[in-house]
Each structure stands twice: as structure tokens, then as C-alpha cells.
């Protein structure tokens, strides 16, 4: 799915509003200033998703999108090992970075993912005037490519397009990176694009 400049601007605005609210929530949790930006937004066919996912070990927090449209698809936060370990260290005042993802990191990933996605969906839903709520989270620690294969297998018949919001999160520590993958079903995708088009009309 090739984005023209209008839709690229619309989705970037959509992503940055969600990211700003997520950053505010994370700042409160980490008790230090956090900024989150979305330097890149992609809209791709679900059949091409594998081209945009690495094979590195990542923590992926998966939510089903609920609300006005039942079973509206999925939204996933994917954080590479280095990112989740750094964020865990900030939360707990630790400094050890040379470790594999452990139980503490997994608990932190769920909490961080829950806060990020709740704030992201709340802000973007308010912007568009549509109710989108996250289900309780599920966590996968695996090579990102392998984890997404199981997600795609569940939604392939209902989801055509995937929105990827590549994020950069900066605080007192070095920047960390992750991605938010939104896999709306056909009905929710149509509603989102109609609402975005209406929202952006005064600017076009």
C-alpha cells in the first residue's frame, strides 16, 4: 500500500499524537521526562509484513483492539532486547545491561506495553471520535519474525493492511527504539481512514 503525501502526513500526525500521550504516561511511570516521536510511518500489505521485521530477539506485547467494532484487529508493541533492558533498568534503578531478558524484564515489558498502548489508543480514539480499547496484554519473547507469523496466521483472513509506527523514545538515558504495529480488520481500517480523511480535510 503506497502512501501519498496526504496520507503520510495524516498517519504521521495520528502516530505522533498517540506517541505524545504514551510518552506522558511513561514519564509518570519512570519518574523522569520522556519524549516519544514517530519519525517513520509505513502502511503495508499484510503479505509483505515479513520484509519489515527483523530476526532479533524482542519483547512483543500483543493486544486485541476492542470497542465499537468487536474484534477490531490487533496492536503490537515490539521492543528489541536492548530497549526493554534499558527501560527495566530505568524503572528499577539498575545498571546491568549485559543480560538476557529475564522475569523482571518481562514484567516491565507488559507494564510498559500496557501503558503505551492504552495511552496511544485513548488519544487516537479521542482524536477520531471512535472507541478503541486494548484487551489484556499477551507477551511473547522470541525472534520478532517468528512471533509475528503466529499473529498473522490468526488475522490473515480479516486484515489486509498493517500500519507501522517506528518510534524513538528519549529520556535521560540514550535513545531507545521500538515499533507499534497496528493490524486493524477491514471494517476498522475503513473507519479509521474515513475519520482521518475528514479530520485532515481543512488542511488539504
N, C-alpha and C. Protein backbone atom coordinates (compact mmCIF):
# COMPACT_ATOMS: atom_id res chain seq x y z
N UNK A 1 0.85 -1.19 0.00
CA UNK A 1 0.00 0.00 0.00
C UNK A 1 0.89 1.23 0.00
N UNK A 2 0.93 1.95 -1.09
CA UNK A 2 1.78 3.14 -1.22
C UNK A 2 1.05 4.35 -0.67
N UNK A 3 1.68 5.07 0.26
CA UNK A 3 1.05 6.25 0.85
C UNK A 3 1.39 7.49 0.04
N UNK A 4 0.37 8.25 -0.36
CA UNK A 4 0.65 9.53 -0.99
C UNK A 4 0.94 10.54 0.12
N UNK A 5 1.43 11.75 -0.21
CA UNK A 5 1.81 12.70 0.84
C UNK A 5 0.69 13.03 1.82
N UNK A 6 -0.56 13.09 1.32
CA UNK A 6 -1.69 13.40 2.19
C UNK A 6 -1.81 12.35 3.30
N UNK A 7 -1.81 11.07 2.91
CA UNK A 7 -2.00 10.01 3.90
C UNK A 7 -0.77 9.85 4.78
N UNK A 8 0.40 10.11 4.24
CA UNK A 8 1.62 10.03 5.06
C UNK A 8 1.57 11.08 6.17
N UNK A 9 1.16 12.31 5.80
CA UNK A 9 1.02 13.37 6.81
C UNK A 9 -0.05 13.02 7.83
N UNK A 10 -1.18 12.49 7.34
CA UNK A 10 -2.29 12.17 8.24
C UNK A 10 -1.88 11.10 9.25
N UNK A 11 -1.23 10.05 8.77
CA UNK A 11 -0.84 8.96 9.66
C UNK A 11 0.30 9.36 10.59
N UNK A 12 1.19 10.23 10.13
CA UNK A 12 2.26 10.73 10.99
C UNK A 12 1.67 11.55 12.12
N UNK A 13 0.69 12.41 11.79
CA UNK A 13 0.01 13.20 12.82
C UNK A 13 -0.71 12.28 13.82
N UNK A 14 -1.39 11.29 13.28
CA UNK A 14 -2.09 10.29 14.09
C UNK A 14 -1.12 9.60 15.05
N UNK A 15 0.03 9.16 14.50
CA UNK A 15 1.02 8.47 15.32
C UNK A 15 1.67 9.36 16.36
N UNK A 16 1.97 10.59 15.99
CA UNK A 16 2.65 11.49 16.93
C UNK A 16 1.74 11.91 18.08
N UNK A 17 0.45 12.07 17.82
CA UNK A 17 -0.49 12.39 18.90
C UNK A 17 -0.56 11.21 19.88
N UNK A 18 -0.67 10.00 19.34
CA UNK A 18 -0.68 8.82 20.20
C UNK A 18 0.62 8.68 20.97
N UNK A 19 1.75 8.92 20.30
CA UNK A 19 3.06 8.79 20.95
C UNK A 19 3.26 9.82 22.05
N UNK A 20 2.78 11.04 21.83
CA UNK A 20 2.93 12.09 22.84
C UNK A 20 2.19 11.71 24.12
N UNK A 21 0.99 11.16 23.97
CA UNK A 21 0.24 10.74 25.16
C UNK A 21 0.92 9.54 25.83
N UNK A 22 1.45 8.62 25.03
CA UNK A 22 2.15 7.47 25.60
C UNK A 22 3.39 7.93 26.36
N UNK A 23 4.10 8.93 25.83
CA UNK A 23 5.30 9.45 26.49
C UNK A 23 4.96 10.08 27.84
N UNK A 24 3.84 10.79 27.88
CA UNK A 24 3.41 11.40 29.15
C UNK A 24 3.17 10.33 30.21
N UNK A 25 2.50 9.26 29.81
CA UNK A 25 2.23 8.16 30.75
C UNK A 25 3.51 7.48 31.19
N UNK A 26 4.45 7.27 30.24
CA UNK A 26 5.72 6.64 30.60
C UNK A 26 6.55 7.54 31.52
N UNK A 27 6.49 8.86 31.29
CA UNK A 27 7.22 9.80 32.15
C UNK A 27 6.78 9.64 33.60
N UNK A 28 5.47 9.50 33.79
CA UNK A 28 4.95 9.35 35.14
C UNK A 28 5.42 8.03 35.76
N UNK A 29 5.47 6.97 34.96
CA UNK A 29 5.89 5.68 35.48
C UNK A 29 7.39 5.66 35.80
N UNK A 30 8.20 6.23 34.89
CA UNK A 30 9.65 6.21 35.06
C UNK A 30 10.14 7.34 35.96
N UNK A 31 9.25 8.28 36.27
CA UNK A 31 9.58 9.44 37.11
C UNK A 31 10.74 10.24 36.54
N UNK A 32 10.77 10.36 35.21
CA UNK A 32 11.75 11.21 34.53
C UNK A 32 11.15 11.62 33.19
N UNK A 33 11.57 12.78 32.65
CA UNK A 33 10.98 13.25 31.39
C UNK A 33 11.24 12.25 30.26
N UNK A 34 10.22 11.99 29.47
CA UNK A 34 10.31 11.09 28.32
C UNK A 34 9.67 11.77 27.12
N UNK A 35 10.33 11.70 25.99
CA UNK A 35 9.74 12.16 24.74
C UNK A 35 9.70 10.98 23.78
N UNK A 36 8.61 10.88 23.05
CA UNK A 36 8.48 9.82 22.05
C UNK A 36 8.04 10.45 20.74
N UNK A 37 8.77 10.16 19.68
CA UNK A 37 8.42 10.66 18.36
C UNK A 37 8.23 9.48 17.41
N UNK A 38 7.56 9.77 16.32
CA UNK A 38 7.33 8.75 15.29
C UNK A 38 7.98 9.27 14.00
N UNK A 39 9.28 9.01 13.83
CA UNK A 39 9.98 9.53 12.65
C UNK A 39 9.59 8.85 11.35
N UNK A 40 8.95 7.68 11.43
CA UNK A 40 8.60 6.96 10.20
C UNK A 40 7.29 6.22 10.38
N UNK A 41 6.41 6.37 9.39
CA UNK A 41 5.13 5.64 9.35
C UNK A 41 5.06 4.89 8.03
N UNK A 42 4.67 3.63 8.10
CA UNK A 42 4.53 2.81 6.90
C UNK A 42 3.15 2.18 6.89
N UNK A 43 2.58 2.02 5.72
CA UNK A 43 1.35 1.25 5.54
C UNK A 43 1.66 0.19 4.51
N UNK A 44 1.56 -1.07 4.91
CA UNK A 44 1.99 -2.16 4.03
C UNK A 44 0.90 -3.22 3.94
N UNK A 45 0.99 -4.02 2.90
CA UNK A 45 0.12 -5.18 2.77
C UNK A 45 0.57 -6.23 3.78
N UNK A 46 -0.38 -6.89 4.41
CA UNK A 46 -0.02 -7.87 5.44
C UNK A 46 0.86 -8.99 4.88
N UNK A 47 0.73 -9.26 3.58
CA UNK A 47 1.55 -10.31 2.97
C UNK A 47 3.03 -9.92 2.92
N UNK A 48 3.31 -8.61 3.04
CA UNK A 48 4.70 -8.13 2.98
C UNK A 48 5.29 -7.85 4.36
N UNK A 49 4.54 -8.15 5.42
CA UNK A 49 4.98 -7.79 6.76
C UNK A 49 6.34 -8.37 7.10
N UNK A 50 6.61 -9.59 6.62
CA UNK A 50 7.88 -10.25 6.96
C UNK A 50 9.09 -9.46 6.48
N UNK A 51 8.91 -8.60 5.47
CA UNK A 51 10.03 -7.82 4.94
C UNK A 51 10.44 -6.70 5.89
N UNK A 52 9.58 -6.36 6.83
CA UNK A 52 9.81 -5.21 7.70
C UNK A 52 10.11 -5.60 9.14
N UNK A 53 10.32 -6.88 9.37
CA UNK A 53 10.55 -7.37 10.73
C UNK A 53 11.89 -8.08 10.78
N UNK A 54 12.65 -7.77 11.81
CA UNK A 54 13.98 -8.36 11.93
C UNK A 54 13.89 -9.72 12.61
N UNK A 55 15.02 -10.40 12.68
CA UNK A 55 15.10 -11.69 13.36
C UNK A 55 15.70 -11.57 14.76
N UNK A 56 15.86 -10.32 15.26
CA UNK A 56 16.46 -10.18 16.58
C UNK A 56 15.45 -10.54 17.67
N UNK A 57 15.97 -10.98 18.80
CA UNK A 57 15.13 -11.30 19.93
C UNK A 57 14.46 -10.02 20.44
N UNK A 58 13.15 -10.06 20.59
CA UNK A 58 12.40 -8.89 21.00
C UNK A 58 11.35 -9.28 22.02
N UNK A 59 10.91 -8.27 22.77
CA UNK A 59 9.74 -8.42 23.63
C UNK A 59 8.56 -7.81 22.89
N UNK A 60 7.54 -8.62 22.65
CA UNK A 60 6.35 -8.14 21.93
C UNK A 60 5.14 -8.26 22.83
N UNK A 61 4.47 -7.14 23.02
CA UNK A 61 3.27 -7.11 23.85
C UNK A 61 2.09 -6.94 22.89
N UNK A 62 1.18 -7.91 22.93
CA UNK A 62 0.12 -8.02 21.92
C UNK A 62 -1.24 -7.73 22.57
N UNK A 63 -2.03 -6.89 21.91
CA UNK A 63 -3.36 -6.55 22.39
C UNK A 63 -4.36 -6.74 21.25
N UNK A 64 -5.55 -7.21 21.59
CA UNK A 64 -6.64 -7.18 20.63
C UNK A 64 -7.32 -5.82 20.77
N UNK A 65 -7.70 -5.22 19.63
CA UNK A 65 -8.40 -3.93 19.64
C UNK A 65 -9.89 -4.19 19.83
N UNK A 66 -10.44 -3.62 20.90
CA UNK A 66 -11.86 -3.78 21.19
C UNK A 66 -12.52 -2.40 21.19
N UNK A 67 -13.83 -2.38 21.29
CA UNK A 67 -14.55 -1.10 21.31
C UNK A 67 -15.78 -1.15 20.46
N UNK A 68 -15.98 -0.10 19.64
CA UNK A 68 -17.18 -0.03 18.80
C UNK A 68 -17.25 -1.20 17.83
N UNK A 69 -16.10 -1.61 17.33
CA UNK A 69 -16.04 -2.74 16.40
C UNK A 69 -15.47 -3.93 17.15
N UNK A 70 -16.28 -4.95 17.34
CA UNK A 70 -15.81 -6.13 18.07
C UNK A 70 -14.68 -6.81 17.31
N UNK A 71 -13.67 -7.26 18.05
CA UNK A 71 -12.52 -7.95 17.41
C UNK A 71 -11.97 -7.12 16.27
N UNK A 72 -11.58 -5.88 16.58
CA UNK A 72 -11.17 -4.93 15.53
C UNK A 72 -9.78 -5.17 14.98
N UNK A 73 -9.13 -6.23 15.40
CA UNK A 73 -7.77 -6.50 14.94
C UNK A 73 -6.81 -6.51 16.12
N UNK A 74 -5.53 -6.26 15.85
CA UNK A 74 -4.51 -6.32 16.90
C UNK A 74 -3.61 -5.10 16.83
N UNK A 75 -3.03 -4.78 17.97
CA UNK A 75 -1.98 -3.76 18.03
C UNK A 75 -0.84 -4.33 18.87
N UNK A 76 0.38 -4.18 18.39
CA UNK A 76 1.54 -4.85 18.98
C UNK A 76 2.64 -3.82 19.23
N UNK A 77 3.22 -3.85 20.42
CA UNK A 77 4.44 -3.10 20.71
C UNK A 77 5.60 -4.07 20.62
N UNK A 78 6.57 -3.76 19.77
CA UNK A 78 7.76 -4.60 19.64
C UNK A 78 8.98 -3.82 20.11
N UNK A 79 9.69 -4.37 21.10
CA UNK A 79 10.86 -3.71 21.67
C UNK A 79 12.05 -4.66 21.62
N UNK A 80 13.13 -4.29 20.93
CA UNK A 80 14.32 -5.14 20.93
C UNK A 80 14.87 -5.34 22.34
N UNK A 81 15.67 -6.38 22.48
CA UNK A 81 16.23 -6.73 23.80
C UNK A 81 16.88 -5.53 24.47
N UNK A 82 17.68 -4.77 23.74
CA UNK A 82 18.40 -3.64 24.34
C UNK A 82 17.43 -2.60 24.89
N UNK A 83 16.32 -2.39 24.16
CA UNK A 83 15.34 -1.39 24.60
C UNK A 83 14.67 -1.80 25.89
N UNK A 84 14.17 -3.03 25.95
CA UNK A 84 13.42 -3.42 27.15
C UNK A 84 14.33 -3.52 28.36
N UNK A 85 15.59 -3.95 28.16
CA UNK A 85 16.53 -4.00 29.30
C UNK A 85 16.83 -2.59 29.80
N UNK A 86 17.04 -1.65 28.88
CA UNK A 86 17.32 -0.27 29.30
C UNK A 86 16.13 0.33 30.05
N UNK A 87 14.91 0.08 29.57
CA UNK A 87 13.74 0.62 30.23
C UNK A 87 13.52 -0.03 31.60
N UNK A 88 13.78 -1.34 31.70
CA UNK A 88 13.69 -2.02 33.00
C UNK A 88 14.69 -1.41 33.98
N UNK A 89 15.91 -1.18 33.50
CA UNK A 89 16.94 -0.58 34.35
C UNK A 89 16.50 0.80 34.86
N UNK A 90 15.89 1.59 33.97
CA UNK A 90 15.41 2.91 34.40
C UNK A 90 14.32 2.78 35.45
N UNK A 91 13.42 1.83 35.26
CA UNK A 91 12.33 1.64 36.22
C UNK A 91 12.84 1.23 37.59
N UNK A 92 13.85 0.36 37.61
CA UNK A 92 14.28 -0.27 38.87
C UNK A 92 15.60 0.27 39.39
N UNK A 93 16.17 1.26 38.70
CA UNK A 93 17.43 1.83 39.17
C UNK A 93 18.60 0.88 39.04
N UNK A 94 18.60 0.03 37.99
CA UNK A 94 19.67 -0.94 37.77
C UNK A 94 20.60 -0.46 36.67
N UNK A 95 21.76 -1.10 36.58
CA UNK A 95 22.74 -0.70 35.56
C UNK A 95 23.21 -1.86 34.69
N UNK A 96 22.87 -3.07 35.05
CA UNK A 96 23.35 -4.24 34.31
C UNK A 96 22.66 -4.32 32.94
N UNK A 97 23.44 -4.21 31.88
CA UNK A 97 22.86 -4.29 30.53
C UNK A 97 23.27 -5.57 29.81
N UNK A 98 24.24 -6.28 30.37
CA UNK A 98 24.77 -7.48 29.69
C UNK A 98 24.04 -8.71 30.22
N UNK A 99 22.78 -8.86 29.83
CA UNK A 99 21.98 -9.99 30.30
C UNK A 99 20.93 -10.33 29.26
N UNK A 100 20.41 -11.53 29.38
CA UNK A 100 19.27 -11.91 28.56
C UNK A 100 18.00 -11.37 29.23
N UNK A 101 16.92 -11.34 28.49
CA UNK A 101 15.64 -10.88 29.05
C UNK A 101 15.21 -11.85 30.15
N UNK A 102 14.98 -11.30 31.35
CA UNK A 102 14.63 -12.15 32.50
C UNK A 102 13.19 -11.83 32.95
N UNK A 103 12.80 -12.42 34.10
CA UNK A 103 11.43 -12.24 34.59
C UNK A 103 11.11 -10.77 34.87
N UNK A 104 12.09 -10.04 35.42
CA UNK A 104 11.87 -8.62 35.69
C UNK A 104 11.61 -7.86 34.39
N UNK A 105 12.40 -8.16 33.36
CA UNK A 105 12.22 -7.50 32.07
C UNK A 105 10.85 -7.83 31.47
N UNK A 106 10.43 -9.08 31.62
CA UNK A 106 9.13 -9.47 31.09
C UNK A 106 8.00 -8.72 31.78
N UNK A 107 8.07 -8.60 33.10
CA UNK A 107 7.05 -7.85 33.84
C UNK A 107 7.06 -6.39 33.41
N UNK A 108 8.28 -5.84 33.23
CA UNK A 108 8.39 -4.44 32.81
C UNK A 108 7.83 -4.26 31.40
N UNK A 109 8.09 -5.22 30.52
CA UNK A 109 7.60 -5.12 29.14
C UNK A 109 6.08 -5.08 29.11
N UNK A 110 5.44 -5.92 29.92
CA UNK A 110 3.97 -5.92 29.97
C UNK A 110 3.46 -4.59 30.49
N UNK A 111 4.08 -4.09 31.55
CA UNK A 111 3.63 -2.83 32.14
C UNK A 111 3.84 -1.66 31.17
N UNK A 112 5.03 -1.62 30.56
CA UNK A 112 5.33 -0.55 29.60
C UNK A 112 4.41 -0.63 28.39
N UNK A 113 4.24 -1.84 27.86
CA UNK A 113 3.36 -2.01 26.70
C UNK A 113 1.94 -1.62 27.02
N UNK A 114 1.46 -2.01 28.19
CA UNK A 114 0.10 -1.69 28.59
C UNK A 114 -0.11 -0.18 28.68
N UNK A 115 0.84 0.50 29.31
CA UNK A 115 0.74 1.95 29.46
C UNK A 115 0.81 2.64 28.09
N UNK A 116 1.76 2.21 27.26
CA UNK A 116 1.92 2.83 25.94
C UNK A 116 0.67 2.67 25.08
N UNK A 117 0.17 1.45 24.99
CA UNK A 117 -0.94 1.20 24.07
C UNK A 117 -2.24 1.77 24.60
N UNK A 118 -2.46 1.72 25.91
CA UNK A 118 -3.66 2.34 26.47
C UNK A 118 -3.68 3.82 26.16
N UNK A 119 -2.55 4.51 26.36
CA UNK A 119 -2.48 5.94 26.08
C UNK A 119 -2.57 6.22 24.58
N UNK A 120 -1.90 5.39 23.77
CA UNK A 120 -1.89 5.57 22.31
C UNK A 120 -3.31 5.44 21.76
N UNK A 121 -4.01 4.38 22.14
CA UNK A 121 -5.37 4.17 21.63
C UNK A 121 -6.33 5.21 22.17
N UNK A 122 -6.16 5.58 23.43
CA UNK A 122 -7.05 6.58 24.03
C UNK A 122 -6.95 7.90 23.29
N UNK A 123 -5.70 8.33 23.01
CA UNK A 123 -5.50 9.62 22.34
C UNK A 123 -5.99 9.60 20.90
N UNK A 124 -5.65 8.54 20.18
CA UNK A 124 -6.04 8.49 18.77
C UNK A 124 -7.54 8.27 18.63
N UNK A 125 -8.13 7.50 19.55
CA UNK A 125 -9.58 7.30 19.50
C UNK A 125 -10.30 8.60 19.78
N UNK A 126 -9.80 9.37 20.74
CA UNK A 126 -10.41 10.67 21.03
C UNK A 126 -10.28 11.61 19.83
N UNK A 127 -9.12 11.59 19.19
CA UNK A 127 -8.89 12.42 18.00
C UNK A 127 -9.91 12.11 16.90
N UNK A 128 -10.18 10.82 16.69
CA UNK A 128 -11.03 10.39 15.58
C UNK A 128 -12.49 10.22 15.97
N UNK A 129 -12.78 10.27 17.26
CA UNK A 129 -14.15 10.10 17.69
C UNK A 129 -14.64 8.67 17.56
N UNK A 130 -13.76 7.71 17.83
CA UNK A 130 -14.13 6.30 17.77
C UNK A 130 -13.58 5.60 19.01
N UNK A 131 -14.31 4.63 19.54
CA UNK A 131 -13.87 3.94 20.74
C UNK A 131 -12.94 2.78 20.36
N UNK A 132 -11.70 2.83 20.86
CA UNK A 132 -10.75 1.73 20.69
C UNK A 132 -10.14 1.42 22.05
N UNK A 133 -10.30 0.21 22.51
CA UNK A 133 -9.80 -0.20 23.82
C UNK A 133 -8.91 -1.43 23.67
N UNK A 134 -7.82 -1.49 24.43
CA UNK A 134 -6.96 -2.68 24.36
C UNK A 134 -7.46 -3.80 25.25
N UNK A 135 -7.32 -5.03 24.77
CA UNK A 135 -7.61 -6.19 25.61
C UNK A 135 -6.50 -6.34 26.64
N UNK A 136 -6.63 -7.24 27.61
CA UNK A 136 -5.48 -7.58 28.45
C UNK A 136 -4.31 -8.03 27.57
N UNK A 137 -3.08 -7.68 27.94
CA UNK A 137 -1.93 -7.96 27.08
C UNK A 137 -1.47 -9.40 27.13
N UNK A 138 -0.87 -9.84 26.03
CA UNK A 138 -0.16 -11.11 25.97
C UNK A 138 1.29 -10.80 25.59
N UNK A 139 2.23 -11.50 26.19
CA UNK A 139 3.65 -11.24 25.97
C UNK A 139 4.30 -12.38 25.22
N UNK A 140 5.13 -12.04 24.24
CA UNK A 140 5.95 -13.03 23.55
C UNK A 140 7.40 -12.55 23.57
N UNK A 141 8.30 -13.43 23.98
CA UNK A 141 9.75 -13.16 23.90
C UNK A 141 10.29 -14.14 22.87
N UNK A 142 10.66 -13.63 21.71
CA UNK A 142 11.06 -14.53 20.63
C UNK A 142 11.72 -13.69 19.55
N UNK A 143 12.21 -14.36 18.52
CA UNK A 143 12.62 -13.62 17.33
C UNK A 143 11.36 -12.98 16.77
N UNK A 144 11.44 -11.68 16.49
CA UNK A 144 10.24 -10.94 16.08
C UNK A 144 9.55 -11.60 14.90
N UNK A 145 10.32 -12.07 13.96
CA UNK A 145 9.77 -12.68 12.75
C UNK A 145 8.89 -13.88 13.12
N UNK A 146 9.36 -14.72 14.02
CA UNK A 146 8.61 -15.92 14.40
C UNK A 146 7.34 -15.57 15.14
N UNK A 147 7.42 -14.60 16.03
CA UNK A 147 6.24 -14.22 16.81
C UNK A 147 5.14 -13.65 15.91
N UNK A 148 5.53 -12.86 14.93
CA UNK A 148 4.52 -12.26 14.05
C UNK A 148 3.87 -13.29 13.14
N UNK A 149 4.58 -14.36 12.84
CA UNK A 149 3.98 -15.40 11.99
C UNK A 149 2.71 -15.94 12.63
N UNK A 150 2.73 -16.14 13.95
CA UNK A 150 1.54 -16.69 14.62
C UNK A 150 0.41 -15.66 14.66
N UNK A 151 0.76 -14.38 14.80
CA UNK A 151 -0.27 -13.33 14.79
C UNK A 151 -0.92 -13.25 13.43
N UNK A 152 -0.09 -13.24 12.39
CA UNK A 152 -0.62 -13.15 11.02
C UNK A 152 -1.52 -14.33 10.70
N UNK A 153 -1.14 -15.51 11.18
CA UNK A 153 -1.96 -16.70 10.91
C UNK A 153 -3.37 -16.54 11.48
N UNK A 154 -3.49 -15.81 12.59
CA UNK A 154 -4.81 -15.63 13.21
C UNK A 154 -5.66 -14.59 12.50
N UNK A 155 -5.02 -13.59 11.87
CA UNK A 155 -5.80 -12.46 11.34
C UNK A 155 -5.78 -12.37 9.83
N UNK A 156 -5.09 -13.27 9.17
CA UNK A 156 -4.86 -13.12 7.72
C UNK A 156 -6.14 -12.98 6.91
N UNK A 157 -7.23 -13.60 7.36
CA UNK A 157 -8.47 -13.53 6.58
C UNK A 157 -9.24 -12.24 6.84
N UNK A 158 -8.92 -11.52 7.93
CA UNK A 158 -9.67 -10.31 8.30
C UNK A 158 -8.88 -9.03 8.11
N UNK A 159 -7.56 -9.11 7.99
CA UNK A 159 -6.71 -7.93 7.94
C UNK A 159 -5.99 -7.87 6.60
N UNK A 160 -6.08 -6.71 5.94
CA UNK A 160 -5.37 -6.52 4.67
C UNK A 160 -4.11 -5.68 4.83
N UNK A 161 -4.20 -4.63 5.64
CA UNK A 161 -3.11 -3.66 5.75
C UNK A 161 -2.58 -3.59 7.18
N UNK A 162 -1.30 -3.27 7.28
CA UNK A 162 -0.64 -3.09 8.57
C UNK A 162 -0.05 -1.69 8.61
N UNK A 163 -0.34 -0.96 9.69
CA UNK A 163 0.26 0.35 9.91
C UNK A 163 1.43 0.17 10.88
N UNK A 164 2.61 0.65 10.48
CA UNK A 164 3.80 0.53 11.32
C UNK A 164 4.24 1.93 11.74
N UNK A 165 4.27 2.15 13.05
CA UNK A 165 4.75 3.42 13.60
C UNK A 165 6.10 3.14 14.25
N UNK A 166 7.19 3.47 13.56
CA UNK A 166 8.52 3.29 14.13
C UNK A 166 8.79 4.45 15.09
N UNK A 167 9.11 4.13 16.32
CA UNK A 167 9.19 5.15 17.36
C UNK A 167 10.62 5.32 17.88
N UNK A 168 10.89 6.53 18.35
CA UNK A 168 12.14 6.83 19.05
C UNK A 168 11.77 7.43 20.40
N UNK A 169 12.30 6.85 21.45
CA UNK A 169 11.98 7.28 22.80
C UNK A 169 13.26 7.82 23.44
N UNK A 170 13.20 9.06 23.90
CA UNK A 170 14.38 9.67 24.52
C UNK A 170 14.05 10.11 25.93
N UNK A 171 15.02 9.93 26.80
CA UNK A 171 14.90 10.37 28.19
C UNK A 171 16.30 10.72 28.66
N UNK A 172 16.56 10.56 29.94
CA UNK A 172 17.90 10.88 30.45
C UNK A 172 18.94 9.88 29.96
N UNK A 173 18.50 8.69 29.59
CA UNK A 173 19.40 7.66 29.06
C UNK A 173 19.48 7.81 27.54
N UNK A 174 20.37 7.05 26.88
CA UNK A 174 20.43 7.12 25.42
C UNK A 174 19.10 6.73 24.79
N UNK A 175 18.82 7.22 23.57
CA UNK A 175 17.54 6.91 22.92
C UNK A 175 17.35 5.41 22.74
N UNK A 176 16.11 4.97 22.81
CA UNK A 176 15.78 3.58 22.53
C UNK A 176 14.71 3.56 21.44
N UNK A 177 14.64 2.42 20.77
CA UNK A 177 13.78 2.34 19.59
C UNK A 177 12.83 1.15 19.72
N UNK A 178 11.69 1.29 19.10
CA UNK A 178 10.73 0.21 19.04
C UNK A 178 9.72 0.52 17.96
N UNK A 179 8.73 -0.32 17.83
CA UNK A 179 7.71 -0.10 16.81
C UNK A 179 6.34 -0.49 17.35
N UNK A 180 5.34 0.24 16.88
CA UNK A 180 3.95 -0.11 17.16
C UNK A 180 3.35 -0.58 15.84
N UNK A 181 2.84 -1.81 15.84
CA UNK A 181 2.22 -2.38 14.65
C UNK A 181 0.72 -2.43 14.87
N UNK A 182 -0.01 -1.78 14.01
CA UNK A 182 -1.47 -1.79 14.11
C UNK A 182 -2.02 -2.63 12.97
N UNK A 183 -2.75 -3.68 13.32
CA UNK A 183 -3.32 -4.60 12.33
C UNK A 183 -4.84 -4.53 12.43
N UNK A 184 -5.45 -3.45 11.90
CA UNK A 184 -6.91 -3.32 12.01
C UNK A 184 -7.61 -4.24 11.02
N UNK A 185 -8.77 -4.78 11.42
CA UNK A 185 -9.51 -5.56 10.44
C UNK A 185 -10.10 -4.62 9.39
N UNK A 186 -10.69 -5.18 8.36
CA UNK A 186 -11.13 -4.38 7.21
C UNK A 186 -12.12 -3.30 7.64
N UNK A 187 -13.04 -3.65 8.53
CA UNK A 187 -14.05 -2.68 8.97
C UNK A 187 -13.43 -1.53 9.74
N UNK A 188 -12.54 -1.84 10.70
CA UNK A 188 -11.90 -0.79 11.49
C UNK A 188 -10.97 0.05 10.62
N UNK A 189 -10.23 -0.58 9.71
CA UNK A 189 -9.33 0.17 8.82
C UNK A 189 -10.13 1.19 8.01
N UNK A 190 -11.26 0.76 7.45
CA UNK A 190 -12.10 1.68 6.67
C UNK A 190 -12.58 2.84 7.51
N UNK A 191 -12.98 2.56 8.74
CA UNK A 191 -13.46 3.61 9.63
C UNK A 191 -12.33 4.59 9.98
N UNK A 192 -11.15 4.06 10.27
CA UNK A 192 -10.02 4.92 10.62
C UNK A 192 -9.65 5.85 9.47
N UNK A 193 -9.59 5.30 8.27
CA UNK A 193 -9.20 6.13 7.13
C UNK A 193 -10.27 7.17 6.80
N UNK A 194 -11.54 6.82 6.96
CA UNK A 194 -12.60 7.81 6.72
C UNK A 194 -12.52 8.94 7.73
N UNK A 195 -12.30 8.59 9.00
CA UNK A 195 -12.20 9.61 10.05
C UNK A 195 -10.97 10.49 9.85
N UNK A 196 -9.84 9.87 9.48
CA UNK A 196 -8.63 10.66 9.23
C UNK A 196 -8.82 11.62 8.07
N UNK A 197 -9.46 11.13 7.01
CA UNK A 197 -9.70 11.98 5.83
C UNK A 197 -10.55 13.20 6.22
N UNK A 198 -11.58 12.95 7.02
CA UNK A 198 -12.46 14.05 7.45
C UNK A 198 -11.69 15.03 8.32
N UNK A 199 -10.84 14.50 9.19
CA UNK A 199 -10.06 15.35 10.10
C UNK A 199 -9.07 16.23 9.32
N UNK A 200 -8.48 15.67 8.25
CA UNK A 200 -7.44 16.38 7.51
C UNK A 200 -7.99 17.29 6.42
N UNK A 201 -9.30 17.20 6.13
CA UNK A 201 -9.87 17.98 5.02
C UNK A 201 -9.58 19.48 5.12
N UNK A 202 -9.70 20.10 6.32
CA UNK A 202 -9.43 21.54 6.39
C UNK A 202 -8.00 21.92 6.03
N UNK A 203 -7.07 20.93 6.14
CA UNK A 203 -5.65 21.20 5.87
C UNK A 203 -5.26 20.94 4.44
N UNK A 204 -6.14 20.26 3.69
CA UNK A 204 -5.78 19.86 2.31
C UNK A 204 -6.14 20.94 1.32
